[in-house]
């Protein structure tokens, strides 16, 4: 058996557009310039609510990153190497490199 420790890193970036449908007054209190925004909103981001009246969704792009780092241990079974193998080192030969696993 031959064991190797391999550094491993993975990084995943994702983007998501989110937002809730809120009344104009709520969005204005949050700092949105609704006079400028409403004419630019697509129809799918304007909705009539039975209780709240007209609501608007401001789609905000959010970026997420998931990053993992670690060490992976790999065990590789060696095939038996005998004196009869042509072009290969014999068992116990000092010339064999650890990278031959």
PDB file of N, CA and C in Angstrom:
ATOM      1  N   UNK A   1       0.836  -1.182   0.000  1.00  0.00           N
ATOM      2  CA  UNK A   1       0.000   0.000   0.000  1.00  0.00           C
ATOM      3  C   UNK A   1       0.879   1.244   0.000  1.00  0.00           C
ATOM      4  N   UNK A   2       0.423   2.237  -0.661  1.00  0.00           N
ATOM      5  CA  UNK A   2       1.124   3.506  -0.717  1.00  0.00           C
ATOM      6  C   UNK A   2       0.115   4.598  -0.378  1.00  0.00           C
ATOM      7  N   UNK A   3       0.487   5.495   0.518  1.00  0.00           N
ATOM      8  CA  UNK A   3      -0.431   6.556   0.922  1.00  0.00           C
ATOM      9  C   UNK A   3       0.081   7.917   0.459  1.00  0.00           C
ATOM     10  N   UNK A   4      -0.821   8.721  -0.020  1.00  0.00           N
ATOM     11  CA  UNK A   4      -0.507  10.074  -0.461  1.00  0.00           C
ATOM     12  C   UNK A   4      -1.427  11.036   0.276  1.00  0.00           C
ATOM     13  N   UNK A   5      -0.881  12.155   0.724  1.00  0.00           N
ATOM     14  CA  UNK A   5      -1.695  13.231   1.270  1.00  0.00           C
ATOM     15  C   UNK A   5      -1.763  14.314   0.205  1.00  0.00           C
ATOM     16  N   UNK A   6      -2.957  14.672  -0.147  1.00  0.00           N
ATOM     17  CA  UNK A   6      -3.163  15.626  -1.216  1.00  0.00           C
ATOM     18  C   UNK A   6      -3.953  16.808  -0.674  1.00  0.00           C
ATOM     19  N   UNK A   7      -3.414  18.014  -0.851  1.00  0.00           N
ATOM     20  CA  UNK A   7      -4.156  19.218  -0.461  1.00  0.00           C
ATOM     21  C   UNK A   7      -5.316  19.414  -1.416  1.00  0.00           C
ATOM     22  N   UNK A   8      -6.451  19.768  -0.868  1.00  0.00           N
ATOM     23  CA  UNK A   8      -7.640  19.906  -1.701  1.00  0.00           C
ATOM     24  C   UNK A   8      -8.355  21.207  -1.337  1.00  0.00           C
ATOM     25  N   UNK A   9      -8.786  21.909  -2.351  1.00  0.00           N
ATOM     26  CA  UNK A   9      -9.522  23.155  -2.129  1.00  0.00           C
ATOM     27  C   UNK A   9     -10.616  23.255  -3.162  1.00  0.00           C
ATOM     28  N   UNK A  10     -11.797  23.634  -2.712  1.00  0.00           N
ATOM     29  CA  UNK A  10     -12.888  23.859  -3.654  1.00  0.00           C
ATOM     30  C   UNK A  10     -13.549  25.184  -3.314  1.00  0.00           C
ATOM     31  N   UNK A  11     -14.002  25.858  -4.344  1.00  0.00           N
ATOM     32  CA  UNK A  11     -14.643  27.157  -4.162  1.00  0.00           C
ATOM     33  C   UNK A  11     -15.814  27.233  -5.137  1.00  0.00           C
ATOM     34  N   UNK A  12     -16.957  27.542  -4.590  1.00  0.00           N
ATOM     35  CA  UNK A  12     -18.165  27.641  -5.406  1.00  0.00           C
ATOM     36  C   UNK A  12     -18.752  29.028  -5.215  1.00  0.00           C
ATOM     37  N   UNK A  13     -18.948  29.726  -6.324  1.00  0.00           N
ATOM     38  CA  UNK A  13     -19.593  31.034  -6.278  1.00  0.00           C
ATOM     39  C   UNK A  13     -20.997  30.897  -6.853  1.00  0.00           C
ATOM     40  N   UNK A  14     -21.937  31.533  -6.197  1.00  0.00           N
ATOM     41  CA  UNK A  14     -23.301  31.508  -6.713  1.00  0.00           C
ATOM     42  C   UNK A  14     -23.891  32.908  -6.647  1.00  0.00           C
ATOM     43  N   UNK A  15     -24.794  33.172  -7.544  1.00  0.00           N
ATOM     44  CA  UNK A  15     -25.475  34.453  -7.592  1.00  0.00           C
ATOM     45  C   UNK A  15     -26.974  34.189  -7.547  1.00  0.00           C
ATOM     46  N   UNK A  16     -27.680  35.063  -6.841  1.00  0.00           N
ATOM     47  CA  UNK A  16     -29.111  34.878  -6.698  1.00  0.00           C
ATOM     48  C   UNK A  16     -29.784  36.244  -6.680  1.00  0.00           C
ATOM     49  N   UNK A  17     -30.887  36.338  -7.364  1.00  0.00           N
ATOM     50  CA  UNK A  17     -31.679  37.558  -7.311  1.00  0.00           C
ATOM     51  C   UNK A  17     -32.813  37.318  -6.338  1.00  0.00           C
ATOM     52  N   UNK A  18     -32.879  38.158  -5.342  1.00  0.00           N
ATOM     53  CA  UNK A  18     -33.918  37.993  -4.335  1.00  0.00           C
ATOM     54  C   UNK A  18     -34.626  39.303  -4.092  1.00  0.00           C
ATOM     55  N   UNK A  19     -35.632  39.240  -3.291  1.00  0.00           N
ATOM     56  CA  UNK A  19     -36.393  40.430  -2.941  1.00  0.00           C
ATOM     57  C   UNK A  19     -37.814  40.042  -2.612  1.00  0.00           C
ATOM     58  N   UNK A  20     -38.417  40.814  -1.715  1.00  0.00           N
ATOM     59  CA  UNK A  20     -39.793  40.560  -1.317  1.00  0.00           C
ATOM     60  C   UNK A  20     -40.682  41.643  -1.890  1.00  0.00           C
ATOM     61  N   UNK A  21     -41.932  41.320  -2.095  1.00  0.00           N
ATOM     62  CA  UNK A  21     -42.902  42.301  -2.542  1.00  0.00           C
ATOM     63  C   UNK A  21     -43.308  43.139  -1.335  1.00  0.00           C
ATOM     64  N   UNK A  22     -43.038  44.444  -1.427  1.00  0.00           N
ATOM     65  CA  UNK A  22     -43.331  45.363  -0.328  1.00  0.00           C
ATOM     66  C   UNK A  22     -44.050  46.596  -0.864  1.00  0.00           C
ATOM     67  N   UNK A  23     -44.850  47.243  -0.006  1.00  0.00           N
ATOM     68  CA  UNK A  23     -45.512  48.481  -0.428  1.00  0.00           C
ATOM     69  C   UNK A  23     -44.501  49.600  -0.673  1.00  0.00           C
ATOM     70  N   UNK A  24     -44.892  50.542  -1.477  1.00  0.00           N
ATOM     71  CA  UNK A  24     -44.017  51.660  -1.838  1.00  0.00           C
ATOM     72  C   UNK A  24     -43.467  52.398  -0.612  1.00  0.00           C
ATOM     73  N   UNK A  25     -44.311  52.652   0.368  1.00  0.00           N
ATOM     74  CA  UNK A  25     -43.887  53.383   1.562  1.00  0.00           C
ATOM     75  C   UNK A  25     -42.783  52.660   2.321  1.00  0.00           C
ATOM     76  N   UNK A  26     -42.868  51.354   2.409  1.00  0.00           N
ATOM     77  CA  UNK A  26     -41.831  50.569   3.104  1.00  0.00           C
ATOM     78  C   UNK A  26     -40.512  50.676   2.353  1.00  0.00           C
ATOM     79  N   UNK A  27     -40.567  50.561   1.048  1.00  0.00           N
ATOM     80  CA  UNK A  27     -39.345  50.651   0.245  1.00  0.00           C
ATOM     81  C   UNK A  27     -38.726  52.048   0.329  1.00  0.00           C
ATOM     82  N   UNK A  28     -39.562  53.070   0.357  1.00  0.00           N
ATOM     83  CA  UNK A  28     -39.043  54.436   0.488  1.00  0.00           C
ATOM     84  C   UNK A  28     -38.367  54.637   1.848  1.00  0.00           C
ATOM     85  N   UNK A  29     -38.944  54.071   2.912  1.00  0.00           N
ATOM     86  CA  UNK A  29     -38.315  54.174   4.237  1.00  0.00           C
ATOM     87  C   UNK A  29     -36.990  53.419   4.296  1.00  0.00           C
ATOM     88  N   UNK A  30     -36.852  52.412   3.437  1.00  0.00           N
ATOM     89  CA  UNK A  30     -35.582  51.669   3.369  1.00  0.00           C
ATOM     90  C   UNK A  30     -34.550  52.412   2.526  1.00  0.00           C
ATOM     91  N   UNK A  31     -34.941  53.528   1.921  1.00  0.00           N
ATOM     92  CA  UNK A  31     -33.992  54.341   1.179  1.00  0.00           C
ATOM     93  C   UNK A  31     -34.055  54.218  -0.331  1.00  0.00           C
ATOM     94  N   UNK A  32     -35.018  53.473  -0.857  1.00  0.00           N
ATOM     95  CA  UNK A  32     -35.134  53.334  -2.303  1.00  0.00           C
ATOM     96  C   UNK A  32     -35.822  54.560  -2.905  1.00  0.00           C
ATOM     97  N   UNK A  33     -35.314  55.052  -4.028  1.00  0.00           N
ATOM     98  CA  UNK A  33     -35.890  56.174  -4.755  1.00  0.00           C
ATOM     99  C   UNK A  33     -36.967  55.622  -5.687  1.00  0.00           C
ATOM    100  N   UNK A  34     -38.176  55.489  -5.170  1.00  0.00           N
ATOM    101  CA  UNK A  34     -39.240  54.824  -5.917  1.00  0.00           C
ATOM    102  C   UNK A  34     -39.684  55.617  -7.140  1.00  0.00           C
ATOM    103  N   UNK A  35     -39.555  56.932  -7.122  1.00  0.00           N
ATOM    104  CA  UNK A  35     -39.898  57.743  -8.308  1.00  0.00           C
ATOM    105  C   UNK A  35     -39.039  57.323  -9.495  1.00  0.00           C
ATOM    106  N   UNK A  36     -37.811  57.008  -9.239  1.00  0.00           N
ATOM    107  CA  UNK A  36     -36.873  56.604 -10.283  1.00  0.00           C
ATOM    108  C   UNK A  36     -37.011  55.112 -10.620  1.00  0.00           C
ATOM    109  N   UNK A  37     -37.338  54.303  -9.630  1.00  0.00           N
ATOM    110  CA  UNK A  37     -37.341  52.842  -9.801  1.00  0.00           C
ATOM    111  C   UNK A  37     -38.602  52.318 -10.473  1.00  0.00           C
ATOM    112  N   UNK A  38     -39.778  52.811 -10.072  1.00  0.00           N
ATOM    113  CA  UNK A  38     -41.050  52.244 -10.559  1.00  0.00           C
ATOM    114  C   UNK A  38     -41.151  52.216 -12.085  1.00  0.00           C
ATOM    115  N   UNK A  39     -40.794  53.270 -12.800  1.00  0.00           N
ATOM    116  CA  UNK A  39     -40.900  53.193 -14.272  1.00  0.00           C
ATOM    117  C   UNK A  39     -39.977  52.140 -14.903  1.00  0.00           C
ATOM    118  N   UNK A  40     -38.960  51.735 -14.185  1.00  0.00           N
ATOM    119  CA  UNK A  40     -37.992  50.774 -14.734  1.00  0.00           C
ATOM    120  C   UNK A  40     -38.303  49.328 -14.355  1.00  0.00           C
ATOM    121  N   UNK A  41     -39.265  49.121 -13.451  1.00  0.00           N
ATOM    122  CA  UNK A  41     -39.574  47.763 -12.995  1.00  0.00           C
ATOM    123  C   UNK A  41     -40.315  46.977 -14.070  1.00  0.00           C
ATOM    124  N   UNK A  42     -39.930  45.715 -14.285  1.00  0.00           N
ATOM    125  CA  UNK A  42     -40.704  44.864 -15.188  1.00  0.00           C
ATOM    126  C   UNK A  42     -42.042  44.509 -14.536  1.00  0.00           C
ATOM    127  N   UNK A  43     -43.015  44.166 -15.343  1.00  0.00           N
ATOM    128  CA  UNK A  43     -44.363  43.859 -14.850  1.00  0.00           C
ATOM    129  C   UNK A  43     -44.368  42.725 -13.811  1.00  0.00           C
ATOM    130  N   UNK A  44     -43.436  41.789 -13.942  1.00  0.00           N
ATOM    131  CA  UNK A  44     -43.395  40.658 -12.994  1.00  0.00           C
ATOM    132  C   UNK A  44     -42.965  41.089 -11.591  1.00  0.00           C
ATOM    133  N   UNK A  45     -42.441  42.314 -11.437  1.00  0.00           N
ATOM    134  CA  UNK A  45     -42.011  42.806 -10.130  1.00  0.00           C
ATOM    135  C   UNK A  45     -43.014  43.787  -9.511  1.00  0.00           C
ATOM    136  N   UNK A  46     -44.206  43.857 -10.084  1.00  0.00           N
ATOM    137  CA  UNK A  46     -45.289  44.679  -9.534  1.00  0.00           C
ATOM    138  C   UNK A  46     -46.488  43.765  -9.328  1.00  0.00           C
ATOM    139  N   UNK A  47     -47.040  43.808  -8.125  1.00  0.00           N
ATOM    140  CA  UNK A  47     -48.119  42.884  -7.792  1.00  0.00           C
ATOM    141  C   UNK A  47     -49.178  43.590  -6.950  1.00  0.00           C
ATOM    142  N   UNK A  48     -50.424  43.264  -7.185  1.00  0.00           N
ATOM    143  CA  UNK A  48     -51.517  43.789  -6.363  1.00  0.00           C
ATOM    144  C   UNK A  48     -51.789  42.821  -5.226  1.00  0.00           C
ATOM    145  N   UNK A  49     -51.819  43.374  -4.018  1.00  0.00           N
ATOM    146  CA  UNK A  49     -52.089  42.578  -2.823  1.00  0.00           C
ATOM    147  C   UNK A  49     -53.431  43.025  -2.263  1.00  0.00           C
ATOM    148  N   UNK A  50     -54.280  42.081  -1.850  1.00  0.00           N
ATOM    149  CA  UNK A  50     -55.627  42.402  -1.363  1.00  0.00           C
ATOM    150  C   UNK A  50     -55.599  43.295  -0.129  1.00  0.00           C
ATOM    151  N   UNK A  51     -54.587  43.186   0.705  1.00  0.00           N
ATOM    152  CA  UNK A  51     -54.502  43.967   1.941  1.00  0.00           C
ATOM    153  C   UNK A  51     -53.597  45.183   1.779  1.00  0.00           C
ATOM    154  N   UNK A  52     -52.441  44.990   1.161  1.00  0.00           N
ATOM    155  CA  UNK A  52     -51.427  46.045   1.093  1.00  0.00           C
ATOM    156  C   UNK A  52     -51.560  46.969  -0.107  1.00  0.00           C
ATOM    157  N   UNK A  53     -52.340  46.573  -1.088  1.00  0.00           N
ATOM    158  CA  UNK A  53     -52.445  47.365  -2.320  1.00  0.00           C
ATOM    159  C   UNK A  53     -51.312  46.988  -3.268  1.00  0.00           C
ATOM    160  N   UNK A  54     -50.826  47.955  -4.008  1.00  0.00           N
ATOM    161  CA  UNK A  54     -49.749  47.685  -4.961  1.00  0.00           C
ATOM    162  C   UNK A  54     -48.442  47.465  -4.207  1.00  0.00           C
ATOM    163  N   UNK A  55     -47.768  46.354  -4.536  1.00  0.00           N
ATOM    164  CA  UNK A  55     -46.467  46.046  -3.925  1.00  0.00           C
ATOM    165  C   UNK A  55     -45.435  45.905  -5.034  1.00  0.00           C
ATOM    166  N   UNK A  56     -44.186  46.123  -4.644  1.00  0.00           N
ATOM    167  CA  UNK A  56     -43.078  46.119  -5.609  1.00  0.00           C
ATOM    168  C   UNK A  56     -41.961  45.227  -5.089  1.00  0.00           C
ATOM    169  N   UNK A  57     -41.313  44.591  -6.018  1.00  0.00           N
ATOM    170  CA  UNK A  57     -40.132  43.790  -5.653  1.00  0.00           C
ATOM    171  C   UNK A  57     -38.912  44.415  -6.309  1.00  0.00           C
ATOM    172  N   UNK A  58     -37.936  44.718  -5.484  1.00  0.00           N
ATOM    173  CA  UNK A  58     -36.657  45.214  -5.985  1.00  0.00           C
ATOM    174  C   UNK A  58     -35.713  44.009  -5.973  1.00  0.00           C
ATOM    175  N   UNK A  59     -35.414  43.486  -7.153  1.00  0.00           N
ATOM    176  CA  UNK A  59     -34.543  42.314  -7.257  1.00  0.00           C
ATOM    177  C   UNK A  59     -33.103  42.745  -7.003  1.00  0.00           C
ATOM    178  N   UNK A  60     -32.539  42.260  -5.917  1.00  0.00           N
ATOM    179  CA  UNK A  60     -31.173  42.598  -5.536  1.00  0.00           C
ATOM    180  C   UNK A  60     -30.306  41.361  -5.751  1.00  0.00           C
ATOM    181  N   UNK A  61     -29.214  41.559  -6.436  1.00  0.00           N
ATOM    182  CA  UNK A  61     -28.292  40.457  -6.721  1.00  0.00           C
ATOM    183  C   UNK A  61     -27.438  40.188  -5.488  1.00  0.00           C
ATOM    184  N   UNK A  62     -27.450  38.942  -5.042  1.00  0.00           N
ATOM    185  CA  UNK A  62     -26.643  38.538  -3.889  1.00  0.00           C
ATOM    186  C   UNK A  62     -25.609  37.516  -4.343  1.00  0.00           C
ATOM    187  N   UNK A  63     -24.427  37.639  -3.812  1.00  0.00           N
ATOM    188  CA  UNK A  63     -23.342  36.729  -4.173  1.00  0.00           C
ATOM    189  C   UNK A  63     -22.995  35.881  -2.957  1.00  0.00           C
ATOM    190  N   UNK A  64     -22.874  34.593  -3.171  1.00  0.00           N
ATOM    191  CA  UNK A  64     -22.492  33.688  -2.098  1.00  0.00           C
ATOM    192  C   UNK A  64     -21.270  32.886  -2.490  1.00  0.00           C
ATOM    193  N   UNK A  65     -20.407  32.634  -1.530  1.00  0.00           N
ATOM    194  CA  UNK A  65     -19.202  31.839  -1.777  1.00  0.00           C
ATOM    195  C   UNK A  65     -19.122  30.748  -0.721  1.00  0.00           C
ATOM    196  N   UNK A  66     -18.941  29.525  -1.188  1.00  0.00           N
ATOM    197  CA  UNK A  66     -18.703  28.398  -0.298  1.00  0.00           C
ATOM    198  C   UNK A  66     -17.290  27.921  -0.589  1.00  0.00           C
ATOM    199  N   UNK A  67     -16.456  27.925   0.441  1.00  0.00           N
ATOM    200  CA  UNK A  67     -15.057  27.552   0.239  1.00  0.00           C
ATOM    201  C   UNK A  67     -14.692  26.460   1.238  1.00  0.00           C
ATOM    202  N   UNK A  68     -14.106  25.386   0.725  1.00  0.00           N
ATOM    203  CA  UNK A  68     -13.667  24.268   1.560  1.00  0.00           C
ATOM    204  C   UNK A  68     -12.189  24.024   1.329  1.00  0.00           C
ATOM    205  N   UNK A  69     -11.473  23.789   2.415  1.00  0.00           N
ATOM    206  CA  UNK A  69     -10.057  23.429   2.314  1.00  0.00           C
ATOM    207  C   UNK A  69      -9.818  22.227   3.212  1.00  0.00           C
ATOM    208  N   UNK A  70      -8.919  21.386   2.784  1.00  0.00           N
ATOM    209  CA  UNK A  70      -8.621  20.223   3.606  1.00  0.00           C
ATOM    210  C   UNK A  70      -7.539  19.373   2.989  1.00  0.00           C
ATOM    211  N   UNK A  71      -7.310  18.259   3.629  1.00  0.00           N
ATOM    212  CA  UNK A  71      -6.326  17.303   3.155  1.00  0.00           C
ATOM    213  C   UNK A  71      -7.035  15.990   2.880  1.00  0.00           C
ATOM    214  N   UNK A  72      -6.736  15.422   1.756  1.00  0.00           N
ATOM    215  CA  UNK A  72      -7.339  14.168   1.343  1.00  0.00           C
ATOM    216  C   UNK A  72      -6.272  13.082   1.400  1.00  0.00           C
ATOM    217  N   UNK A  73      -6.561  11.987   2.066  1.00  0.00           N
ATOM    218  CA  UNK A  73      -5.614  10.872   2.164  1.00  0.00           C
ATOM    219  C   UNK A  73      -6.034   9.806   1.165  1.00  0.00           C
ATOM    220  N   UNK A  74      -5.131   9.487   0.261  1.00  0.00           N
ATOM    221  CA  UNK A  74      -5.410   8.470  -0.754  1.00  0.00           C
ATOM    222  C   UNK A  74      -4.502   7.270  -0.516  1.00  0.00           C
ATOM    223  N   UNK A  75      -5.099   6.106  -0.505  1.00  0.00           N
ATOM    224  CA  UNK A  75      -4.344   4.872  -0.367  1.00  0.00           C
ATOM    225  C   UNK A  75      -4.442   4.119  -1.690  1.00  0.00           C
ATOM    226  N   UNK A  76      -3.282   3.797  -2.229  1.00  0.00           N
ATOM    227  CA  UNK A  76      -3.226   3.117  -3.521  1.00  0.00           C
ATOM    228  C   UNK A  76      -2.564   1.767  -3.324  1.00  0.00           C
ATOM    229  N   UNK A  77      -3.216   0.708  -3.788  1.00  0.00           N
ATOM    230  CA  UNK A  77      -2.629  -0.630  -3.694  1.00  0.00           C
ATOM    231  C   UNK A  77      -1.588  -0.776  -4.799  1.00  0.00           C
ATOM    232  N   UNK A  78      -0.401  -1.240  -4.410  1.00  0.00           N
ATOM    233  CA  UNK A  78       0.662  -1.466  -5.392  1.00  0.00           C
ATOM    234  C   UNK A  78       0.521  -2.859  -5.971  1.00  0.00           C
ATOM    235  N   UNK A  79       0.929  -2.984  -7.201  1.00  0.00           N
ATOM    236  CA  UNK A  79       0.960  -4.316  -7.790  1.00  0.00           C
ATOM    237  C   UNK A  79       2.312  -4.925  -7.448  1.00  0.00           C
ATOM    238  N   UNK A  80       2.318  -6.206  -7.217  1.00  0.00           N
ATOM    239  CA  UNK A  80       3.564  -6.883  -6.829  1.00  0.00           C
ATOM    240  C   UNK A  80       4.595  -6.744  -7.934  1.00  0.00           C
ATOM    241  N   UNK A  81       5.820  -6.437  -7.544  1.00  0.00           N
ATOM    242  CA  UNK A  81       6.901  -6.281  -8.507  1.00  0.00           C
ATOM    243  C   UNK A  81       7.971  -7.319  -8.187  1.00  0.00           C
ATOM    244  N   UNK A  82       8.216  -8.175  -9.109  1.00  0.00           N
ATOM    245  CA  UNK A  82       9.216  -9.223  -8.893  1.00  0.00           C
ATOM    246  C   UNK A  82      10.417  -9.045  -9.787  1.00  0.00           C
ATOM    247  N   UNK A  83      11.394  -9.894  -9.611  1.00  0.00           N
ATOM    248  CA  UNK A  83      12.617  -9.827 -10.398  1.00  0.00           C
ATOM    249  C   UNK A  83      12.326 -10.078 -11.869  1.00  0.00           C
ATOM    250  N   UNK A  84      11.296 -10.869 -12.162  1.00  0.00           N
ATOM    251  CA  UNK A  84      10.976 -11.209 -13.536  1.00  0.00           C
ATOM    252  C   UNK A  84      10.357 -10.074 -14.326  1.00  0.00           C
ATOM    253  N   UNK A  85       9.929  -9.009 -13.675  1.00  0.00           N
ATOM    254  CA  UNK A  85       9.335  -7.884 -14.398  1.00  0.00           C
ATOM    255  C   UNK A  85      10.409  -7.196 -15.231  1.00  0.00           C
ATOM    256  N   UNK A  86      10.173  -7.059 -16.494  1.00  0.00           N
ATOM    257  CA  UNK A  86      11.163  -6.429 -17.355  1.00  0.00           C
ATOM    258  C   UNK A  86      11.049  -4.919 -17.258  1.00  0.00           C
ATOM    259  N   UNK A  87      12.197  -4.283 -17.110  1.00  0.00           N
ATOM    260  CA  UNK A  87      12.227  -2.838 -17.052  1.00  0.00           C
ATOM    261  C   UNK A  87      11.768  -2.272 -15.717  1.00  0.00           C
ATOM    262  N   UNK A  88      11.540  -3.140 -14.740  1.00  0.00           N
ATOM    263  CA  UNK A  88      11.086  -2.663 -13.436  1.00  0.00           C
ATOM    264  C   UNK A  88      12.105  -3.078 -12.385  1.00  0.00           C
ATOM    265  N   UNK A  89      12.116  -2.364 -11.301  1.00  0.00           N
ATOM    266  CA  UNK A  89      13.039  -2.658 -10.219  1.00  0.00           C
ATOM    267  C   UNK A  89      12.558  -3.855  -9.413  1.00  0.00           C
ATOM    268  N   UNK A  90      13.479  -4.602  -8.878  1.00  0.00           N
ATOM    269  CA  UNK A  90      13.123  -5.759  -8.062  1.00  0.00           C
ATOM    270  C   UNK A  90      12.690  -5.348  -6.668  1.00  0.00           C
ATOM    271  N   UNK A  91      12.053  -6.261  -5.954  1.00  0.00           N
ATOM    272  CA  UNK A  91      11.623  -6.004  -4.584  1.00  0.00           C
ATOM    273  C   UNK A  91      12.846  -5.699  -3.736  1.00  0.00           C
ATOM    274  N   UNK A  92      12.740  -4.636  -2.921  1.00  0.00           N
ATOM    275  CA  UNK A  92      13.842  -4.270  -2.061  1.00  0.00           C
ATOM    276  C   UNK A  92      14.913  -3.424  -2.731  1.00  0.00           C
ATOM    277  N   UNK A  93      14.763  -3.123  -3.986  1.00  0.00           N
ATOM    278  CA  UNK A  93      15.745  -2.323  -4.709  1.00  0.00           C
ATOM    279  C   UNK A  93      15.734  -0.898  -4.161  1.00  0.00           C
ATOM    280  N   UNK A  94      16.889  -0.398  -3.798  1.00  0.00           N
ATOM    281  CA  UNK A  94      17.001   0.930  -3.192  1.00  0.00           C
ATOM    282  C   UNK A  94      16.728   2.052  -4.195  1.00  0.00           C
ATOM    283  N   UNK A  95      16.742   1.757  -5.466  1.00  0.00           N
ATOM    284  CA  UNK A  95      16.547   2.794  -6.480  1.00  0.00           C
ATOM    285  C   UNK A  95      15.090   3.188  -6.683  1.00  0.00           C
ATOM    286  N   UNK A  96      14.169   2.467  -6.057  1.00  0.00           N
ATOM    287  CA  UNK A  96      12.746   2.751  -6.226  1.00  0.00           C
ATOM    288  C   UNK A  96      12.384   4.071  -5.556  1.00  0.00           C
ATOM    289  N   UNK A  97      11.622   4.889  -6.254  1.00  0.00           N
ATOM    290  CA  UNK A  97      11.221   6.187  -5.727  1.00  0.00           C
ATOM    291  C   UNK A  97       9.850   6.083  -5.065  1.00  0.00           C
ATOM    292  N   UNK A  98       9.615   6.933  -4.077  1.00  0.00           N
ATOM    293  CA  UNK A  98       8.327   6.958  -3.403  1.00  0.00           C
ATOM    294  C   UNK A  98       7.216   7.352  -4.377  1.00  0.00           C
ATOM    295  N   UNK A  99       7.545   8.102  -5.407  1.00  0.00           N
ATOM    296  CA  UNK A  99       6.539   8.527  -6.370  1.00  0.00           C
ATOM    297  C   UNK A  99       6.135   7.411  -7.310  1.00  0.00           C
ATOM    298  N   UNK A 100       6.774   6.224  -7.217  1.00  0.00           N
ATOM    299  CA  UNK A 100       6.420   5.106  -8.063  1.00  0.00           C
ATOM    300  C   UNK A 100       5.140   4.420  -7.621  1.00  0.00           C
ATOM    301  N   UNK A 101       4.561   4.839  -6.517  1.00  0.00           N
ATOM    302  CA  UNK A 101       3.353   4.190  -5.982  1.00  0.00           C
ATOM    303  C   UNK A 101       2.196   4.354  -6.927  1.00  0.00           C
TER     304      UNK A 101
END
